[in-house]
Every structure is written in C-alpha cells, then in structure tokens.
Amino acid sequence: MVITLTDNASAQIKEMMQEESAGAHLRFGIKGGGCSGLSYSLGFEYDINEELDVVEDINGIPVVFFNQDIPIIEGTTIDFKQNMMGGGFAIDNPNAIVSCGCGSSFRTKDKVGTPGDC
C-alpha cells in the first residue's frame, strides 16, 4: 500500500463519502506551495486517468494517487483526531524532513519545492 489510513480516518472518510455521488474516490497527493514548499491535497475525485493515476483499495475506500506523487507520499499515515475544538485529519509523512507549524506544508530531501506563505 502507498499510504495507511487509521481506523479513525477510515471511519470519517466513509461517513463523508456517504454524502458524495456514486463513484467517488478519495484523492491524496501533493501540490506546490505552502511555507515549506509542498502541501498535501485531500479530496474526492470522480475522473480517474488510467495513464496518470494509481487506485488502491484501502480499508474499503478507493484511494487514487498521481503516479508522480507516490515517491513523496509513500509510507504516509493519515489519521483523524477529534478534540474539544473539533476534528481534523493528521498526516504523518516519513519522507518529510521539514514541516510547517500549521502541519499542512512540508519539504522532502529530494523534492525541496519553493517555500511560500503559510
């Protein structure tokens, strides 16, 4: 598997997917930007490109990745944490060598990126 979804994250995603149209996939990847150079992207996707995308079933959830993102996100764990202020997804990427204080931006040894505003 490219990534791991904890039980809490899987339950939250499945609940969110019930509100989506049939055929929804969870897309996880990266994009340029953020104060450390790269930012995570997490959302629902309906259009899969068989040449550019890889789809895996993780805990009963169809998850899609861009091929080019896999070396950067491989081994990542996504969790969902609930606290008194609400809840949110927490991402632990072993390939990130620097993370921003907000936790949504990071840099890797091989893919430095261009730091921007947080």
PDB file of N, CA and C in Angstrom:
ATOM      1  N   MET A   1       0.827  -1.187   0.000  1.00  0.00           N
ATOM      2  CA  MET A   1       0.000   0.000   0.000  1.00  0.00           C
ATOM      3  C   MET A   1       0.876   1.256   0.000  1.00  0.00           C
ATOM      4  N   VAL A   2       0.397   2.256  -0.691  1.00  0.00           N
ATOM      5  CA  VAL A   2       1.122   3.526  -0.754  1.00  0.00           C
ATOM      6  C   VAL A   2       1.028   4.250   0.584  1.00  0.00           C
ATOM      7  N   ILE A   3      -0.185   4.328   1.145  1.00  0.00           N
ATOM      8  CA  ILE A   3      -0.396   5.013   2.418  1.00  0.00           C
ATOM      9  C   ILE A   3      -1.185   4.112   3.364  1.00  0.00           C
ATOM     10  N   THR A   4      -1.273   4.548   4.622  1.00  0.00           N
ATOM     11  CA  THR A   4      -2.090   3.863   5.618  1.00  0.00           C
ATOM     12  C   THR A   4      -3.156   4.827   6.103  1.00  0.00           C
ATOM     13  N   LEU A   5      -4.385   4.345   6.183  1.00  0.00           N
ATOM     14  CA  LEU A   5      -5.474   5.092   6.798  1.00  0.00           C
ATOM     15  C   LEU A   5      -5.777   4.424   8.128  1.00  0.00           C
ATOM     16  N   THR A   6      -5.733   5.188   9.220  1.00  0.00           N
ATOM     17  CA  THR A   6      -6.075   4.611  10.518  1.00  0.00           C
ATOM     18  C   THR A   6      -7.572   4.291  10.541  1.00  0.00           C
ATOM     19  N   ASP A   7      -7.987   3.548  11.551  1.00  0.00           N
ATOM     20  CA  ASP A   7      -9.407   3.232  11.692  1.00  0.00           C
ATOM     21  C   ASP A   7     -10.242   4.499  11.830  1.00  0.00           C
ATOM     22  N   ASN A   8      -9.745   5.474  12.608  1.00  0.00           N
ATOM     23  CA  ASN A   8     -10.473   6.732  12.778  1.00  0.00           C
ATOM     24  C   ASN A   8     -10.606   7.481  11.461  1.00  0.00           C
ATOM     25  N   ALA A   9      -9.529   7.540  10.686  1.00  0.00           N
ATOM     26  CA  ALA A   9      -9.570   8.231   9.395  1.00  0.00           C
ATOM     27  C   ALA A   9     -10.509   7.505   8.437  1.00  0.00           C
ATOM     28  N   SER A  10     -10.425   6.184   8.410  1.00  0.00           N
ATOM     29  CA  SER A  10     -11.291   5.400   7.517  1.00  0.00           C
ATOM     30  C   SER A  10     -12.753   5.624   7.841  1.00  0.00           C
ATOM     31  N   ALA A  11     -13.101   5.615   9.129  1.00  0.00           N
ATOM     32  CA  ALA A  11     -14.494   5.824   9.534  1.00  0.00           C
ATOM     33  C   ALA A  11     -14.982   7.210   9.121  1.00  0.00           C
ATOM     34  N   GLN A  12     -14.143   8.224   9.311  1.00  0.00           N
ATOM     35  CA  GLN A  12     -14.524   9.593   8.948  1.00  0.00           C
ATOM     36  C   GLN A  12     -14.690   9.727   7.437  1.00  0.00           C
ATOM     37  N   ILE A  13     -13.773   9.160   6.677  1.00  0.00           N
ATOM     38  CA  ILE A  13     -13.846   9.242   5.214  1.00  0.00           C
ATOM     39  C   ILE A  13     -15.080   8.519   4.698  1.00  0.00           C
ATOM     40  N   LYS A  14     -15.368   7.341   5.246  1.00  0.00           N
ATOM     41  CA  LYS A  14     -16.563   6.597   4.811  1.00  0.00           C
ATOM     42  C   LYS A  14     -17.828   7.391   5.102  1.00  0.00           C
ATOM     43  N   GLU A  15     -17.866   8.055   6.248  1.00  0.00           N
ATOM     44  CA  GLU A  15     -19.018   8.890   6.589  1.00  0.00           C
ATOM     45  C   GLU A  15     -19.151  10.042   5.592  1.00  0.00           C
ATOM     46  N   MET A  16     -18.037  10.670   5.253  1.00  0.00           N
ATOM     47  CA  MET A  16     -18.054  11.779   4.296  1.00  0.00           C
ATOM     48  C   MET A  16     -18.437  11.296   2.904  1.00  0.00           C
ATOM     49  N   MET A  17     -18.018  10.090   2.539  1.00  0.00           N
ATOM     50  CA  MET A  17     -18.308   9.558   1.208  1.00  0.00           C
ATOM     51  C   MET A  17     -19.795   9.278   1.023  1.00  0.00           C
ATOM     52  N   GLN A  18     -20.512   9.052   2.104  1.00  0.00           N
ATOM     53  CA  GLN A  18     -21.954   8.819   2.003  1.00  0.00           C
ATOM     54  C   GLN A  18     -22.673  10.042   1.453  1.00  0.00           C
ATOM     55  N   GLU A  19     -22.083  11.208   1.617  1.00  0.00           N
ATOM     56  CA  GLU A  19     -22.674  12.438   1.119  1.00  0.00           C
ATOM     57  C   GLU A  19     -22.252  12.747  -0.317  1.00  0.00           C
ATOM     58  N   GLU A  20     -21.335  11.958  -0.860  1.00  0.00           N
ATOM     59  CA  GLU A  20     -20.850  12.155  -2.225  1.00  0.00           C
ATOM     60  C   GLU A  20     -21.658  11.313  -3.205  1.00  0.00           C
ATOM     61  N   SER A  21     -21.564  11.641  -4.479  1.00  0.00           N
ATOM     62  CA  SER A  21     -22.222  10.863  -5.525  1.00  0.00           C
ATOM     63  C   SER A  21     -21.519   9.529  -5.698  1.00  0.00           C
ATOM     64  N   ALA A  22     -22.231   8.584  -6.283  1.00  0.00           N
ATOM     65  CA  ALA A  22     -21.654   7.263  -6.563  1.00  0.00           C
ATOM     66  C   ALA A  22     -20.411   7.425  -7.431  1.00  0.00           C
ATOM     67  N   GLY A  23     -19.433   6.598  -7.211  1.00  0.00           N
ATOM     68  CA  GLY A  23     -18.209   6.634  -7.993  1.00  0.00           C
ATOM     69  C   GLY A  23     -17.130   7.525  -7.419  1.00  0.00           C
ATOM     70  N   ALA A  24     -17.346   8.063  -6.228  1.00  0.00           N
ATOM     71  CA  ALA A  24     -16.343   8.935  -5.616  1.00  0.00           C
ATOM     72  C   ALA A  24     -15.145   8.123  -5.140  1.00  0.00           C
ATOM     73  N   HIS A  25     -13.969   8.655  -5.382  1.00  0.00           N
ATOM     74  CA  HIS A  25     -12.707   8.121  -4.871  1.00  0.00           C
ATOM     75  C   HIS A  25     -12.098   9.186  -3.969  1.00  0.00           C
ATOM     76  N   LEU A  26     -11.320   8.777  -3.011  1.00  0.00           N
ATOM     77  CA  LEU A  26     -10.545   9.716  -2.221  1.00  0.00           C
ATOM     78  C   LEU A  26      -9.240   9.953  -2.961  1.00  0.00           C
ATOM     79  N   ARG A  27      -8.905  11.216  -3.244  1.00  0.00           N
ATOM     80  CA  ARG A  27      -7.621  11.519  -3.872  1.00  0.00           C
ATOM     81  C   ARG A  27      -6.712  12.130  -2.816  1.00  0.00           C
ATOM     82  N   PHE A  28      -5.501  11.543  -2.704  1.00  0.00           N
ATOM     83  CA  PHE A  28      -4.490  12.081  -1.808  1.00  0.00           C
ATOM     84  C   PHE A  28      -3.232  12.326  -2.615  1.00  0.00           C
ATOM     85  N   GLY A  29      -2.648  13.488  -2.440  1.00  0.00           N
ATOM     86  CA  GLY A  29      -1.422  13.798  -3.163  1.00  0.00           C
ATOM     87  C   GLY A  29      -0.791  15.065  -2.636  1.00  0.00           C
ATOM     88  N   ILE A  30       0.024  15.649  -3.469  1.00  0.00           N
ATOM     89  CA  ILE A  30       0.737  16.865  -3.099  1.00  0.00           C
ATOM     90  C   ILE A  30       0.570  17.909  -4.187  1.00  0.00           C
ATOM     91  N   LYS A  31       0.826  19.144  -3.812  1.00  0.00           N
ATOM     92  CA  LYS A  31       0.859  20.239  -4.778  1.00  0.00           C
ATOM     93  C   LYS A  31       1.919  21.219  -4.309  1.00  0.00           C
ATOM     94  N   GLY A  32       2.425  22.005  -5.210  1.00  0.00           N
ATOM     95  CA  GLY A  32       3.412  23.006  -4.855  1.00  0.00           C
ATOM     96  C   GLY A  32       2.775  24.127  -4.061  1.00  0.00           C
ATOM     97  N   GLY A  33       3.541  24.676  -3.128  1.00  0.00           N
ATOM     98  CA  GLY A  33       3.048  25.809  -2.353  1.00  0.00           C
ATOM     99  C   GLY A  33       3.132  25.565  -0.865  1.00  0.00           C
ATOM    100  N   GLY A  34       2.805  26.570  -0.112  1.00  0.00           N
ATOM    101  CA  GLY A  34       2.906  26.487   1.334  1.00  0.00           C
ATOM    102  C   GLY A  34       4.261  26.996   1.782  1.00  0.00           C
ATOM    103  N   CYS A  35       4.390  27.260   3.062  1.00  0.00           N
ATOM    104  CA  CYS A  35       5.614  27.889   3.563  1.00  0.00           C
ATOM    105  C   CYS A  35       6.817  26.957   3.536  1.00  0.00           C
ATOM    106  N   SER A  36       6.610  25.639   3.431  1.00  0.00           N
ATOM    107  CA  SER A  36       7.750  24.729   3.363  1.00  0.00           C
ATOM    108  C   SER A  36       8.007  24.208   1.956  1.00  0.00           C
ATOM    109  N   GLY A  37       7.143  24.527   0.994  1.00  0.00           N
ATOM    110  CA  GLY A  37       7.401  24.159  -0.391  1.00  0.00           C
ATOM    111  C   GLY A  37       6.366  23.255  -1.016  1.00  0.00           C
ATOM    112  N   LEU A  38       5.842  22.289  -0.273  1.00  0.00           N
ATOM    113  CA  LEU A  38       4.830  21.370  -0.780  1.00  0.00           C
ATOM    114  C   LEU A  38       3.665  21.338   0.197  1.00  0.00           C
ATOM    115  N   SER A  39       2.455  21.108  -0.320  1.00  0.00           N
ATOM    116  CA  SER A  39       1.265  20.993   0.513  1.00  0.00           C
ATOM    117  C   SER A  39       0.530  19.712   0.151  1.00  0.00           C
ATOM    118  N   TYR A  40      -0.197  19.186   1.109  1.00  0.00           N
ATOM    119  CA  TYR A  40      -0.999  17.989   0.866  1.00  0.00           C
ATOM    120  C   TYR A  40      -2.312  18.373   0.208  1.00  0.00           C
ATOM    121  N   SER A  41      -2.818  17.468  -0.587  1.00  0.00           N
ATOM    122  CA  SER A  41      -4.110  17.632  -1.227  1.00  0.00           C
ATOM    123  C   SER A  41      -4.951  16.408  -0.876  1.00  0.00           C
ATOM    124  N   LEU A  42      -6.143  16.626  -0.337  1.00  0.00           N
ATOM    125  CA  LEU A  42      -7.020  15.539   0.084  1.00  0.00           C
ATOM    126  C   LEU A  42      -8.445  15.938  -0.271  1.00  0.00           C
ATOM    127  N   GLY A  43      -9.087  15.132  -1.094  1.00  0.00           N
ATOM    128  CA  GLY A  43     -10.443  15.453  -1.507  1.00  0.00           C
ATOM    129  C   GLY A  43     -11.045  14.306  -2.294  1.00  0.00           C
ATOM    130  N   PHE A  44     -12.235  14.524  -2.814  1.00  0.00           N
ATOM    131  CA  PHE A  44     -12.916  13.485  -3.579  1.00  0.00           C
ATOM    132  C   PHE A  44     -12.724  13.704  -5.071  1.00  0.00           C
ATOM    133  N   GLU A  45     -12.618  12.607  -5.791  1.00  0.00           N
ATOM    134  CA  GLU A  45     -12.324  12.617  -7.229  1.00  0.00           C
ATOM    135  C   GLU A  45     -13.281  11.657  -7.925  1.00  0.00           C
ATOM    136  N   TYR A  46     -13.758  12.065  -9.101  1.00  0.00           N
ATOM    137  CA  TYR A  46     -14.652  11.217  -9.889  1.00  0.00           C
ATOM    138  C   TYR A  46     -14.022  10.798 -11.216  1.00  0.00           C
ATOM    139  N   ASP A  47     -13.087  11.594 -11.712  1.00  0.00           N
ATOM    140  CA  ASP A  47     -12.457  11.319 -13.006  1.00  0.00           C
ATOM    141  C   ASP A  47     -11.064  10.746 -12.779  1.00  0.00           C
ATOM    142  N   ILE A  48     -10.891   9.486 -13.139  1.00  0.00           N
ATOM    143  CA  ILE A  48      -9.617   8.797 -12.965  1.00  0.00           C
ATOM    144  C   ILE A  48      -8.945   8.671 -14.328  1.00  0.00           C
ATOM    145  N   ASN A  49      -7.670   9.041 -14.398  1.00  0.00           N
ATOM    146  CA  ASN A  49      -6.888   8.927 -15.624  1.00  0.00           C
ATOM    147  C   ASN A  49      -6.012   7.688 -15.492  1.00  0.00           C
ATOM    148  N   GLU A  50      -6.311   6.663 -16.259  1.00  0.00           N
ATOM    149  CA  GLU A  50      -5.601   5.380 -16.139  1.00  0.00           C
ATOM    150  C   GLU A  50      -4.114   5.486 -16.450  1.00  0.00           C
ATOM    151  N   GLU A  51      -3.704   6.511 -17.190  1.00  0.00           N
ATOM    152  CA  GLU A  51      -2.283   6.682 -17.515  1.00  0.00           C
ATOM    153  C   GLU A  51      -1.518   7.393 -16.408  1.00  0.00           C
ATOM    154  N   LEU A  52      -2.188   8.280 -15.676  1.00  0.00           N
ATOM    155  CA  LEU A  52      -1.509   9.099 -14.670  1.00  0.00           C
ATOM    156  C   LEU A  52      -1.792   8.691 -13.230  1.00  0.00           C
ATOM    157  N   ASP A  53      -2.859   7.933 -13.002  1.00  0.00           N
ATOM    158  CA  ASP A  53      -3.310   7.624 -11.651  1.00  0.00           C
ATOM    159  C   ASP A  53      -3.127   6.164 -11.280  1.00  0.00           C
ATOM    160  N   VAL A  54      -2.981   5.945  -9.978  1.00  0.00           N
ATOM    161  CA  VAL A  54      -2.974   4.609  -9.390  1.00  0.00           C
ATOM    162  C   VAL A  54      -4.113   4.591  -8.384  1.00  0.00           C
ATOM    163  N   VAL A  55      -4.928   3.530  -8.406  1.00  0.00           N
ATOM    164  CA  VAL A  55      -6.038   3.393  -7.474  1.00  0.00           C
ATOM    165  C   VAL A  55      -5.785   2.181  -6.597  1.00  0.00           C
ATOM    166  N   GLU A  56      -5.915   2.357  -5.282  1.00  0.00           N
ATOM    167  CA  GLU A  56      -5.792   1.260  -4.322  1.00  0.00           C
ATOM    168  C   GLU A  56      -7.028   1.230  -3.440  1.00  0.00           C
ATOM    169  N   ASP A  57      -7.414   0.042  -3.030  1.00  0.00           N
ATOM    170  CA  ASP A  57      -8.475  -0.103  -2.052  1.00  0.00           C
ATOM    171  C   ASP A  57      -7.805  -0.163  -0.686  1.00  0.00           C
ATOM    172  N   ILE A  58      -8.093   0.819   0.163  1.00  0.00           N
ATOM    173  CA  ILE A  58      -7.507   0.869   1.498  1.00  0.00           C
ATOM    174  C   ILE A  58      -8.653   0.891   2.494  1.00  0.00           C
ATOM    175  N   ASN A  59      -8.786  -0.167   3.253  1.00  0.00           N
ATOM    176  CA  ASN A  59      -9.861  -0.295   4.248  1.00  0.00           C
ATOM    177  C   ASN A  59     -11.241  -0.108   3.625  1.00  0.00           C
ATOM    178  N   GLY A  60     -11.418  -0.591   2.401  1.00  0.00           N
ATOM    179  CA  GLY A  60     -12.706  -0.477   1.729  1.00  0.00           C
ATOM    180  C   GLY A  60     -12.951   0.878   1.081  1.00  0.00           C
ATOM    181  N   ILE A  61     -11.930   1.712   1.014  1.00  0.00           N
ATOM    182  CA  ILE A  61     -12.044   3.041   0.410  1.00  0.00           C
ATOM    183  C   ILE A  61     -11.195   3.079  -0.854  1.00  0.00           C
ATOM    184  N   PRO A  62     -11.790   3.433  -2.001  1.00  0.00           N
ATOM    185  CA  PRO A  62     -10.970   3.583  -3.199  1.00  0.00           C
ATOM    186  C   PRO A  62     -10.166   4.881  -3.111  1.00  0.00           C
ATOM    187  N   VAL A  63      -8.840   4.741  -3.080  1.00  0.00           N
ATOM    188  CA  VAL A  63      -7.950   5.896  -2.942  1.00  0.00           C
ATOM    189  C   VAL A  63      -7.138   6.028  -4.219  1.00  0.00           C
ATOM    190  N   VAL A  64      -7.085   7.232  -4.766  1.00  0.00           N
ATOM    191  CA  VAL A  64      -6.367   7.480  -6.018  1.00  0.00           C
ATOM    192  C   VAL A  64      -5.187   8.418  -5.756  1.00  0.00           C
ATOM    193  N   PHE A  65      -4.083   8.122  -6.445  1.00  0.00           N
ATOM    194  CA  PHE A  65      -2.849   8.904  -6.339  1.00  0.00           C
ATOM    195  C   PHE A  65      -2.336   9.196  -7.738  1.00  0.00           C
ATOM    196  N   PHE A  66      -1.707  10.352  -7.918  1.00  0.00           N
ATOM    197  CA  PHE A  66      -0.955  10.581  -9.144  1.00  0.00           C
ATOM    198  C   PHE A  66       0.314   9.738  -9.051  1.00  0.00           C
ATOM    199  N   ASN A  67       0.683   9.062 -10.132  1.00  0.00           N
ATOM    200  CA  ASN A  67       1.914   8.258 -10.160  1.00  0.00           C
ATOM    201  C   ASN A  67       3.120   9.039  -9.647  1.00  0.00           C
ATOM    202  N   GLN A  68       3.241  10.292 -10.096  1.00  0.00           N
ATOM    203  CA  GLN A  68       4.420  11.091  -9.763  1.00  0.00           C
ATOM    204  C   GLN A  68       4.492  11.456  -8.285  1.00  0.00           C
ATOM    205  N   ASP A  69       3.378  11.406  -7.559  1.00  0.00           N
ATOM    206  CA  ASP A  69       3.366  11.744  -6.127  1.00  0.00           C
ATOM    207  C   ASP A  69       3.806  10.584  -5.239  1.00  0.00           C
ATOM    208  N   ILE A  70       3.716   9.373  -5.737  1.00  0.00           N
ATOM    209  CA  ILE A  70       3.940   8.192  -4.899  1.00  0.00           C
ATOM    210  C   ILE A  70       5.288   8.196  -4.185  1.00  0.00           C
ATOM    211  N   PRO A  71       6.412   8.514  -4.829  1.00  0.00           N
ATOM    212  CA  PRO A  71       7.678   8.507  -4.078  1.00  0.00           C
ATOM    213  C   PRO A  71       7.708   9.500  -2.912  1.00  0.00           C
ATOM    214  N   ILE A  72       6.923  10.557  -2.996  1.00  0.00           N
ATOM    215  CA  ILE A  72       6.924  11.585  -1.960  1.00  0.00           C
ATOM    216  C   ILE A  72       5.980  11.237  -0.809  1.00  0.00           C
ATOM    217  N   ILE A  73       4.876  10.534  -1.113  1.00  0.00           N
ATOM    218  CA  ILE A  73       3.878  10.234  -0.081  1.00  0.00           C
ATOM    219  C   ILE A  73       3.928   8.793   0.418  1.00  0.00           C
ATOM    220  N   GLU A  74       4.736   7.962  -0.209  1.00  0.00           N
ATOM    221  CA  GLU A  74       4.779   6.546   0.177  1.00  0.00           C
ATOM    222  C   GLU A  74       5.140   6.398   1.651  1.00  0.00           C
ATOM    223  N   GLY A  75       4.365   5.583   2.355  1.00  0.00           N
ATOM    224  CA  GLY A  75       4.599   5.343   3.776  1.00  0.00           C
ATOM    225  C   GLY A  75       3.855   6.294   4.690  1.00  0.00           C
ATOM    226  N   THR A  76       3.113   7.243   4.116  1.00  0.00           N
ATOM    227  CA  THR A  76       2.371   8.226   4.902  1.00  0.00           C
ATOM    228  C   THR A  76       1.201   7.572   5.622  1.00  0.00           C
ATOM    229  N   THR A  77       0.944   8.032   6.849  1.00  0.00           N
ATOM    230  CA  THR A  77      -0.223   7.605   7.617  1.00  0.00           C
ATOM    231  C   THR A  77      -1.150   8.793   7.783  1.00  0.00           C
ATOM    232  N   ILE A  78      -2.427   8.576   7.486  1.00  0.00           N
ATOM    233  CA  ILE A  78      -3.441   9.601   7.686  1.00  0.00           C
ATOM    234  C   ILE A  78      -4.339   9.157   8.828  1.00  0.00           C
ATOM    235  N   ASP A  79      -4.491  10.035   9.810  1.00  0.00           N
ATOM    236  CA  ASP A  79      -5.327   9.775  10.972  1.00  0.00           C
ATOM    237  C   ASP A  79      -6.382  10.871  11.059  1.00  0.00           C
ATOM    238  N   PHE A  80      -7.436  10.619  11.810  1.00  0.00           N
ATOM    239  CA  PHE A  80      -8.429  11.647  12.103  1.00  0.00           C
ATOM    240  C   PHE A  80      -8.472  11.800  13.604  1.00  0.00           C
ATOM    241  N   LYS A  81      -8.269  13.030  14.067  1.00  0.00           N
ATOM    242  CA  LYS A  81      -8.226  13.289  15.500  1.00  0.00           C
ATOM    243  C   LYS A  81      -9.348  14.240  15.884  1.00  0.00           C
ATOM    244  N   GLN A  82     -10.041  13.874  16.944  1.00  0.00           N
ATOM    245  CA  GLN A  82     -11.140  14.686  17.461  1.00  0.00           C
ATOM    246  C   GLN A  82     -10.720  15.279  18.796  1.00  0.00           C
ATOM    247  N   ASN A  83     -11.003  16.575  18.982  1.00  0.00           N
ATOM    248  CA  ASN A  83     -10.733  17.202  20.281  1.00  0.00           C
ATOM    249  C   ASN A  83     -11.836  18.208  20.572  1.00  0.00           C
ATOM    250  N   MET A  84     -11.692  18.943  21.644  1.00  0.00           N
ATOM    251  CA  MET A  84     -12.737  19.887  22.050  1.00  0.00           C
ATOM    252  C   MET A  84     -12.943  21.007  21.036  1.00  0.00           C
ATOM    253  N   MET A  85     -11.954  21.270  20.213  1.00  0.00           N
ATOM    254  CA  MET A  85     -12.044  22.326  19.206  1.00  0.00           C
ATOM    255  C   MET A  85     -12.600  21.810  17.881  1.00  0.00           C
ATOM    256  N   GLY A  86     -12.882  20.533  17.800  1.00  0.00           N
ATOM    257  CA  GLY A  86     -13.377  19.942  16.566  1.00  0.00           C
ATOM    258  C   GLY A  86     -12.488  18.785  16.160  1.00  0.00           C
ATOM    259  N   GLY A  87     -12.493  18.464  14.888  1.00  0.00           N
ATOM    260  CA  GLY A  87     -11.689  17.350  14.409  1.00  0.00           C
ATOM    261  C   GLY A  87     -10.983  17.710  13.127  1.00  0.00           C
ATOM    262  N   GLY A  88     -10.019  16.894  12.785  1.00  0.00           N
ATOM    263  CA  GLY A  88      -9.302  17.117  11.542  1.00  0.00           C
ATOM    264  C   GLY A  88      -8.374  15.976  11.225  1.00  0.00           C
ATOM    265  N   PHE A  89      -7.942  15.925   9.983  1.00  0.00           N
ATOM    266  CA  PHE A  89      -7.018  14.891   9.543  1.00  0.00           C
ATOM    267  C   PHE A  89      -5.595  15.281   9.909  1.00  0.00           C
ATOM    268  N   ALA A  90      -4.839  14.313  10.385  1.00  0.00           N
ATOM    269  CA  ALA A  90      -3.431  14.496  10.721  1.00  0.00           C
ATOM    270  C   ALA A  90      -2.615  13.611   9.794  1.00  0.00           C
ATOM    271  N   ILE A  91      -1.599  14.177   9.175  1.00  0.00           N
ATOM    272  CA  ILE A  91      -0.797  13.462   8.191  1.00  0.00           C
ATOM    273  C   ILE A  91       0.620  13.308   8.715  1.00  0.00           C
ATOM    274  N   ASP A  92       1.088  12.063   8.745  1.00  0.00           N
ATOM    275  CA  ASP A  92       2.455  11.754   9.175  1.00  0.00           C
ATOM    276  C   ASP A  92       3.194  11.150   7.992  1.00  0.00           C
ATOM    277  N   ASN A  93       4.076  11.940   7.390  1.00  0.00           N
ATOM    278  CA  ASN A  93       4.818  11.529   6.203  1.00  0.00           C
ATOM    279  C   ASN A  93       6.280  11.310   6.577  1.00  0.00           C
ATOM    280  N   PRO A  94       6.761  10.054   6.511  1.00  0.00           N
ATOM    281  CA  PRO A  94       8.153   9.790   6.872  1.00  0.00           C
ATOM    282  C   PRO A  94       9.159  10.386   5.894  1.00  0.00           C
ATOM    283  N   ASN A  95       8.695  10.840   4.722  1.00  0.00           N
ATOM    284  CA  ASN A  95       9.580  11.436   3.721  1.00  0.00           C
ATOM    285  C   ASN A  95       9.780  12.930   3.933  1.00  0.00           C
ATOM    286  N   ALA A  96       8.988  13.535   4.812  1.00  0.00           N
ATOM    287  CA  ALA A  96       9.095  14.964   5.070  1.00  0.00           C
ATOM    288  C   ALA A  96      10.247  15.216   6.039  1.00  0.00           C
ATOM    289  N   ILE A  97      11.156  16.108   5.637  1.00  0.00           N
ATOM    290  CA  ILE A  97      12.276  16.433   6.525  1.00  0.00           C
ATOM    291  C   ILE A  97      12.043  17.744   7.262  1.00  0.00           C
ATOM    292  N   VAL A  98      11.160  18.586   6.725  1.00  0.00           N
ATOM    293  CA  VAL A  98      10.799  19.850   7.347  1.00  0.00           C
ATOM    294  C   VAL A  98       9.293  20.004   7.214  1.00  0.00           C
ATOM    295  N   SER A  99       8.635  20.354   8.309  1.00  0.00           N
ATOM    296  CA  SER A  99       7.203  20.617   8.271  1.00  0.00           C
ATOM    297  C   SER A  99       6.934  22.012   8.803  1.00  0.00           C
ATOM    298  N   CYS A 100       5.905  22.602   8.299  1.00  0.00           N
ATOM    299  CA  CYS A 100       5.474  23.929   8.717  1.00  0.00           C
ATOM    300  C   CYS A 100       4.735  23.828  10.041  1.00  0.00           C
ATOM    301  N   GLY A 101       4.657  24.903  10.770  1.00  0.00           N
ATOM    302  CA  GLY A 101       3.954  24.921  12.040  1.00  0.00           C
ATOM    303  C   GLY A 101       2.481  24.579  11.910  1.00  0.00           C
ATOM    304  N   CYS A 102       1.880  24.908  10.778  1.00  0.00           N
ATOM    305  CA  CYS A 102       0.456  24.608  10.596  1.00  0.00           C
ATOM    306  C   CYS A 102       0.231  23.139  10.248  1.00  0.00           C
ATOM    307  N   GLY A 103       1.297  22.416   9.877  1.00  0.00           N
ATOM    308  CA  GLY A 103       1.193  20.986   9.600  1.00  0.00           C
ATOM    309  C   GLY A 103       0.711  20.630   8.216  1.00  0.00           C
ATOM    310  N   SER A 104       0.383  21.609   7.389  1.00  0.00           N
ATOM    311  CA  SER A 104      -0.128  21.287   6.059  1.00  0.00           C
ATOM    312  C   SER A 104       0.908  21.475   4.963  1.00  0.00           C
ATOM    313  N   SER A 105       2.079  21.916   5.312  1.00  0.00           N
ATOM    314  CA  SER A 105       3.127  22.164   4.338  1.00  0.00           C
ATOM    315  C   SER A 105       4.397  21.438   4.782  1.00  0.00           C
ATOM    316  N   PHE A 106       5.155  20.943   3.807  1.00  0.00           N
ATOM    317  CA  PHE A 106       6.345  20.163   4.133  1.00  0.00           C
ATOM    318  C   PHE A 106       7.359  20.237   3.012  1.00  0.00           C
ATOM    319  N   ARG A 107       8.540  19.692   3.280  1.00  0.00           N
ATOM    320  CA  ARG A 107       9.609  19.602   2.298  1.00  0.00           C
ATOM    321  C   ARG A 107      10.281  18.240   2.452  1.00  0.00           C
ATOM    322  N   THR A 108      10.727  17.676   1.338  1.00  0.00           N
ATOM    323  CA  THR A 108      11.458  16.410   1.375  1.00  0.00           C
ATOM    324  C   THR A 108      12.902  16.651   0.955  1.00  0.00           C
ATOM    325  N   LYS A 109      13.742  15.669   1.213  1.00  0.00           N
ATOM    326  CA  LYS A 109      15.143  15.774   0.847  1.00  0.00           C
ATOM    327  C   LYS A 109      15.307  15.912  -0.661  1.00  0.00           C
ATOM    328  N   ASP A 110      14.517  15.151  -1.422  1.00  0.00           N
ATOM    329  CA  ASP A 110      14.663  15.144  -2.876  1.00  0.00           C
ATOM    330  C   ASP A 110      13.809  16.185  -3.585  1.00  0.00           C
ATOM    331  N   LYS A 111      12.671  16.548  -3.005  1.00  0.00           N
ATOM    332  CA  LYS A 111      11.751  17.498  -3.617  1.00  0.00           C
ATOM    333  C   LYS A 111      11.609  18.708  -2.710  1.00  0.00           C
ATOM    334  N   VAL A 112      12.559  19.610  -2.797  1.00  0.00           N
ATOM    335  CA  VAL A 112      12.610  20.737  -1.877  1.00  0.00           C
ATOM    336  C   VAL A 112      11.413  21.668  -2.057  1.00  0.00           C
ATOM    337  N   GLY A 113      11.029  21.979  -3.293  1.00  0.00           N
ATOM    338  CA  GLY A 113       9.926  22.907  -3.506  1.00  0.00           C
ATOM    339  C   GLY A 113      10.368  24.341  -3.249  1.00  0.00           C
ATOM    340  N   THR A 114       9.480  25.257  -3.508  1.00  0.00           N
ATOM    341  CA  THR A 114       9.758  26.671  -3.273  1.00  0.00           C
ATOM    342  C   THR A 114       8.884  27.156  -2.135  1.00  0.00           C
ATOM    343  N   PRO A 115       9.461  27.472  -1.006  1.00  0.00           N
ATOM    344  CA  PRO A 115       8.650  27.922   0.126  1.00  0.00           C
ATOM    345  C   PRO A 115       7.864  29.175  -0.219  1.00  0.00           C
ATOM    346  N   GLY A 116       6.644  29.259   0.345  1.00  0.00           N
ATOM    347  CA  GLY A 116       5.777  30.404   0.143  1.00  0.00           C
ATOM    348  C   GLY A 116       5.140  30.795   1.454  1.00  0.00           C
ATOM    349  N   ASP A 117       3.967  31.366   1.397  1.00  0.00           N
ATOM    350  CA  ASP A 117       3.264  31.790   2.600  1.00  0.00           C
ATOM    351  C   ASP A 117       2.414  30.653   3.158  1.00  0.00           C
ATOM    352  N   CYS A 118       2.330  30.602   4.466  1.00  0.00           N
ATOM    353  CA  CYS A 118       1.517  29.607   5.151  1.00  0.00           C
ATOM    354  C   CYS A 118       0.105  30.105   5.308  1.00  0.00           C
TER     355      CYS A 118
END
